C-alpha atoms as a PDB file:
ATOM      1  CA  UNK A   1      44.168  91.548 116.168  1.00  0.00           C
ATOM      2  CA  UNK A   2      45.157  94.001 119.009  1.00  0.00           C
ATOM      3  CA  UNK A   3      43.753  93.759 122.361  1.00  0.00           C
ATOM      4  CA  UNK A   4      42.352  96.874 123.837  1.00  0.00           C
ATOM      5  CA  UNK A   5      45.494  97.008 126.307  1.00  0.00           C
ATOM      6  CA  UNK A   6      47.633  97.358 123.190  1.00  0.00           C
ATOM      7  CA  UNK A   7      45.696  99.984 121.071  1.00  0.00           C
ATOM      8  CA  UNK A   8      45.762 101.684 124.551  1.00  0.00           C
ATOM      9  CA  UNK A   9      49.837 101.695 124.794  1.00  0.00           C
ATOM     10  CA  UNK A  10      50.112 102.486 121.251  1.00  0.00           C
ATOM     11  CA  UNK A  11      47.992 105.371 121.983  1.00  0.00           C
ATOM     12  CA  UNK A  12      50.449 106.319 124.187  1.00  0.00           C
ATOM     13  CA  UNK A  13      53.244 106.179 122.284  1.00  0.00           C
ATOM     14  CA  UNK A  14      51.771 107.505 119.059  1.00  0.00           C
ATOM     15  CA  UNK A  15      51.008 110.432 121.097  1.00  0.00           C
ATOM     16  CA  UNK A  16      54.543 110.823 123.216  1.00  0.00           C
ATOM     17  CA  UNK A  17      56.470 110.649 119.263  1.00  0.00           C
ATOM     18  CA  UNK A  18      53.791 113.586 117.779  1.00  0.00           C
ATOM     19  CA  UNK A  19      54.982 115.363 120.281  1.00  0.00           C
ATOM     20  CA  UNK A  20      58.680 115.188 120.055  1.00  0.00           C
ATOM     21  CA  UNK A  21      58.124 115.690 116.203  1.00  0.00           C
ATOM     22  CA  UNK A  22      55.413 118.687 116.218  1.00  0.00           C
ATOM     23  CA  UNK A  23      58.694 120.070 118.627  1.00  0.00           C
ATOM     24  CA  UNK A  24      61.412 119.228 115.670  1.00  0.00           C
ATOM     25  CA  UNK A  25      59.169 120.536 113.248  1.00  0.00           C
ATOM     26  CA  UNK A  26      58.964 124.080 115.351  1.00  0.00           C
ATOM     27  CA  UNK A  27      62.791 123.815 115.579  1.00  0.00           C
ATOM     28  CA  UNK A  28      63.165 123.364 111.888  1.00  0.00           C
ATOM     29  CA  UNK A  29      60.894 125.861 110.671  1.00  0.00           C
ATOM     30  CA  UNK A  30      63.401 128.514 112.932  1.00  0.00           C
ATOM     31  CA  UNK A  31      66.368 126.862 111.250  1.00  0.00           C
ATOM     32  CA  UNK A  32      65.105 127.329 107.657  1.00  0.00           C
ATOM     33  CA  UNK A  33      64.259 131.025 107.775  1.00  0.00           C
ATOM     34  CA  UNK A  34      65.422 132.992 104.601  1.00  0.00           C
ATOM     35  CA  UNK A  35      68.834 133.992 105.598  1.00  0.00           C
ATOM     36  CA  UNK A  36      68.455 137.855 104.732  1.00  0.00           C
ATOM     37  CA  UNK A  37      71.123 139.765 102.661  1.00  0.00           C
ATOM     38  CA  UNK A  38      72.072 142.277 105.257  1.00  0.00           C
ATOM     39  CA  UNK A  39      73.612 139.910 107.719  1.00  0.00           C
ATOM     40  CA  UNK A  40      77.731 140.680 107.487  1.00  0.00           C
ATOM     41  CA  UNK A  41      78.719 137.099 107.999  1.00  0.00           C
ATOM     42  CA  UNK A  42      81.693 136.407 105.210  1.00  0.00           C
ATOM     43  CA  UNK A  43      81.397 134.883 101.915  1.00  0.00           C
ATOM     44  CA  UNK A  44      82.506 131.466 103.567  1.00  0.00           C
ATOM     45  CA  UNK A  45      79.797 131.795 106.527  1.00  0.00           C
ATOM     46  CA  UNK A  46      76.859 132.815 104.327  1.00  0.00           C
ATOM     47  CA  UNK A  47      77.676 129.768 101.855  1.00  0.00           C
ATOM     48  CA  UNK A  48      77.763 127.479 105.073  1.00  0.00           C
ATOM     49  CA  UNK A  49      74.639 128.868 106.531  1.00  0.00           C
ATOM     50  CA  UNK A  50      72.890 128.311 102.895  1.00  0.00           C
ATOM     51  CA  UNK A  51      73.798 124.994 102.809  1.00  0.00           C
ATOM     52  CA  UNK A  52      72.992 124.348 106.570  1.00  0.00           C
ATOM     53  CA  UNK A  53      69.704 125.679 105.615  1.00  0.00           C
ATOM     54  CA  UNK A  54      69.053 122.890 102.951  1.00  0.00           C
ATOM     55  CA  UNK A  55      70.071 120.209 105.479  1.00  0.00           C
ATOM     56  CA  UNK A  56      67.094 121.427 107.939  1.00  0.00           C
ATOM     57  CA  UNK A  57      65.021 122.490 105.272  1.00  0.00           C
ATOM     58  CA  UNK A  58      65.394 118.324 103.953  1.00  0.00           C
ATOM     59  CA  UNK A  59      65.058 117.758 108.015  1.00  0.00           C
ATOM     60  CA  UNK A  60      61.776 120.023 108.112  1.00  0.00           C
ATOM     61  CA  UNK A  61      60.359 118.140 104.932  1.00  0.00           C
ATOM     62  CA  UNK A  62      60.889 114.752 107.217  1.00  0.00           C
ATOM     63  CA  UNK A  63      59.370 115.576 110.150  1.00  0.00           C
ATOM     64  CA  UNK A  64      56.511 116.790 108.387  1.00  0.00           C
ATOM     65  CA  UNK A  65      55.892 113.668 106.729  1.00  0.00           C
ATOM     66  CA  UNK A  66      56.662 111.487 110.050  1.00  0.00           C
ATOM     67  CA  UNK A  67      53.985 113.964 111.679  1.00  0.00           C
ATOM     68  CA  UNK A  68      51.606 113.427 108.658  1.00  0.00           C
ATOM     69  CA  UNK A  69      52.255 109.334 109.442  1.00  0.00           C
ATOM     70  CA  UNK A  70      51.631 109.468 112.689  1.00  0.00           C
ATOM     71  CA  UNK A  71      48.534 111.535 112.574  1.00  0.00           C
ATOM     72  CA  UNK A  72      46.971 109.006 110.017  1.00  0.00           C
ATOM     73  CA  UNK A  73      47.716 106.172 112.019  1.00  0.00           C
ATOM     74  CA  UNK A  74      46.379 107.581 115.723  1.00  0.00           C
ATOM     75  CA  UNK A  75      42.828 107.983 113.605  1.00  0.00           C
ATOM     76  CA  UNK A  76      43.356 104.139 112.094  1.00  0.00           C
ATOM     77  CA  UNK A  77      44.367 103.443 115.241  1.00  0.00           C
ATOM     78  CA  UNK A  78      40.427 101.944 116.141  1.00  0.00           C
ATOM     79  CA  UNK A  79      39.779 100.654 112.827  1.00  0.00           C
ATOM     80  CA  UNK A  80      40.548  96.838 112.577  1.00  0.00           C
ATOM     81  CA  UNK A  81      42.927  97.097 109.583  1.00  0.00           C
ATOM     82  CA  UNK A  82      45.310  99.317 111.421  1.00  0.00           C
ATOM     83  CA  UNK A  83      48.343  96.884 112.115  1.00  0.00           C
ATOM     84  CA  UNK A  84      47.605  94.609 109.012  1.00  0.00           C
ATOM     85  CA  UNK A  85      50.708  94.786 106.527  1.00  0.00           C
ATOM     86  CA  UNK A  86      49.075  96.905 103.403  1.00  0.00           C
ATOM     87  CA  UNK A  87      50.894  93.966 100.920  1.00  0.00           C
ATOM     88  CA  UNK A  88      50.040  90.243 102.545  1.00  0.00           C
ATOM     89  CA  UNK A  89      47.219  91.351 105.300  1.00  0.00           C
ATOM     90  CA  UNK A  90      48.977  89.557 107.711  1.00  0.00           C
ATOM     91  CA  UNK A  91      49.598  91.369 111.248  1.00  0.00           C
ATOM     92  CA  UNK A  92      52.458  93.573 111.940  1.00  0.00           C
ATOM     93  CA  UNK A  93      53.862  92.490 114.942  1.00  0.00           C
ATOM     94  CA  UNK A  94      53.088  94.180 118.539  1.00  0.00           C
ATOM     95  CA  UNK A  95      56.676  94.654 119.430  1.00  0.00           C
ATOM     96  CA  UNK A  96      57.453  96.643 115.744  1.00  0.00           C
ATOM     97  CA  UNK A  97      54.710  98.524 116.232  1.00  0.00           C
ATOM     98  CA  UNK A  98      55.458  99.923 119.695  1.00  0.00           C
ATOM     99  CA  UNK A  99      58.570 101.227 117.947  1.00  0.00           C
ATOM    100  CA  UNK A 100      56.957 102.439 114.667  1.00  0.00           C
ATOM    101  CA  UNK A 101      53.505 102.889 114.771  1.00  0.00           C
ATOM    102  CA  UNK A 102      53.262 103.953 111.470  1.00  0.00           C
ATOM    103  CA  UNK A 103      54.455 101.117 109.718  1.00  0.00           C
ATOM    104  CA  UNK A 104      52.219  99.930 107.036  1.00  0.00           C
ATOM    105  CA  UNK A 105      54.156  96.276 106.330  1.00  0.00           C
ATOM    106  CA  UNK A 106      55.170  93.705 108.033  1.00  0.00           C
ATOM    107  CA  UNK A 107      59.132  92.663 108.440  1.00  0.00           C
ATOM    108  CA  UNK A 108      58.347  89.283 105.992  1.00  0.00           C
ATOM    109  CA  UNK A 109      57.196  91.819 103.406  1.00  0.00           C
ATOM    110  CA  UNK A 110      59.615  94.061 104.197  1.00  0.00           C
ATOM    111  CA  UNK A 111      62.466  91.676 104.013  1.00  0.00           C
ATOM    112  CA  UNK A 112      61.455  90.476 100.393  1.00  0.00           C
ATOM    113  CA  UNK A 113      61.391  93.303  98.694  1.00  0.00           C
ATOM    114  CA  UNK A 114      64.613  94.111  99.641  1.00  0.00           C
ATOM    115  CA  UNK A 115      65.641  91.288  97.347  1.00  0.00           C
END
């Protein structure tokens, strides 16, 4: 069970991460704007721009997913189920939650899933 001090520390961590991810979402949104055909950038450069756009679209999807997980974590922070492993029901280590506050499985369950 997390202490009130730990919960507040995690709240700060989550809010900082959310701010950073929101900035990433804004940046990737800008980078994924359509490439207009009027741009006279040459065939190879245009192909590179289209490829870069695809990479940035994938990064945008990942950033939006991360933001959603962080938002859910922030909402769940005060519930008794936050910090409990969805697989075994044990506690997720506080140090792990500080690094990955959107974690839903403990280290033991993650390791056992790999093998």
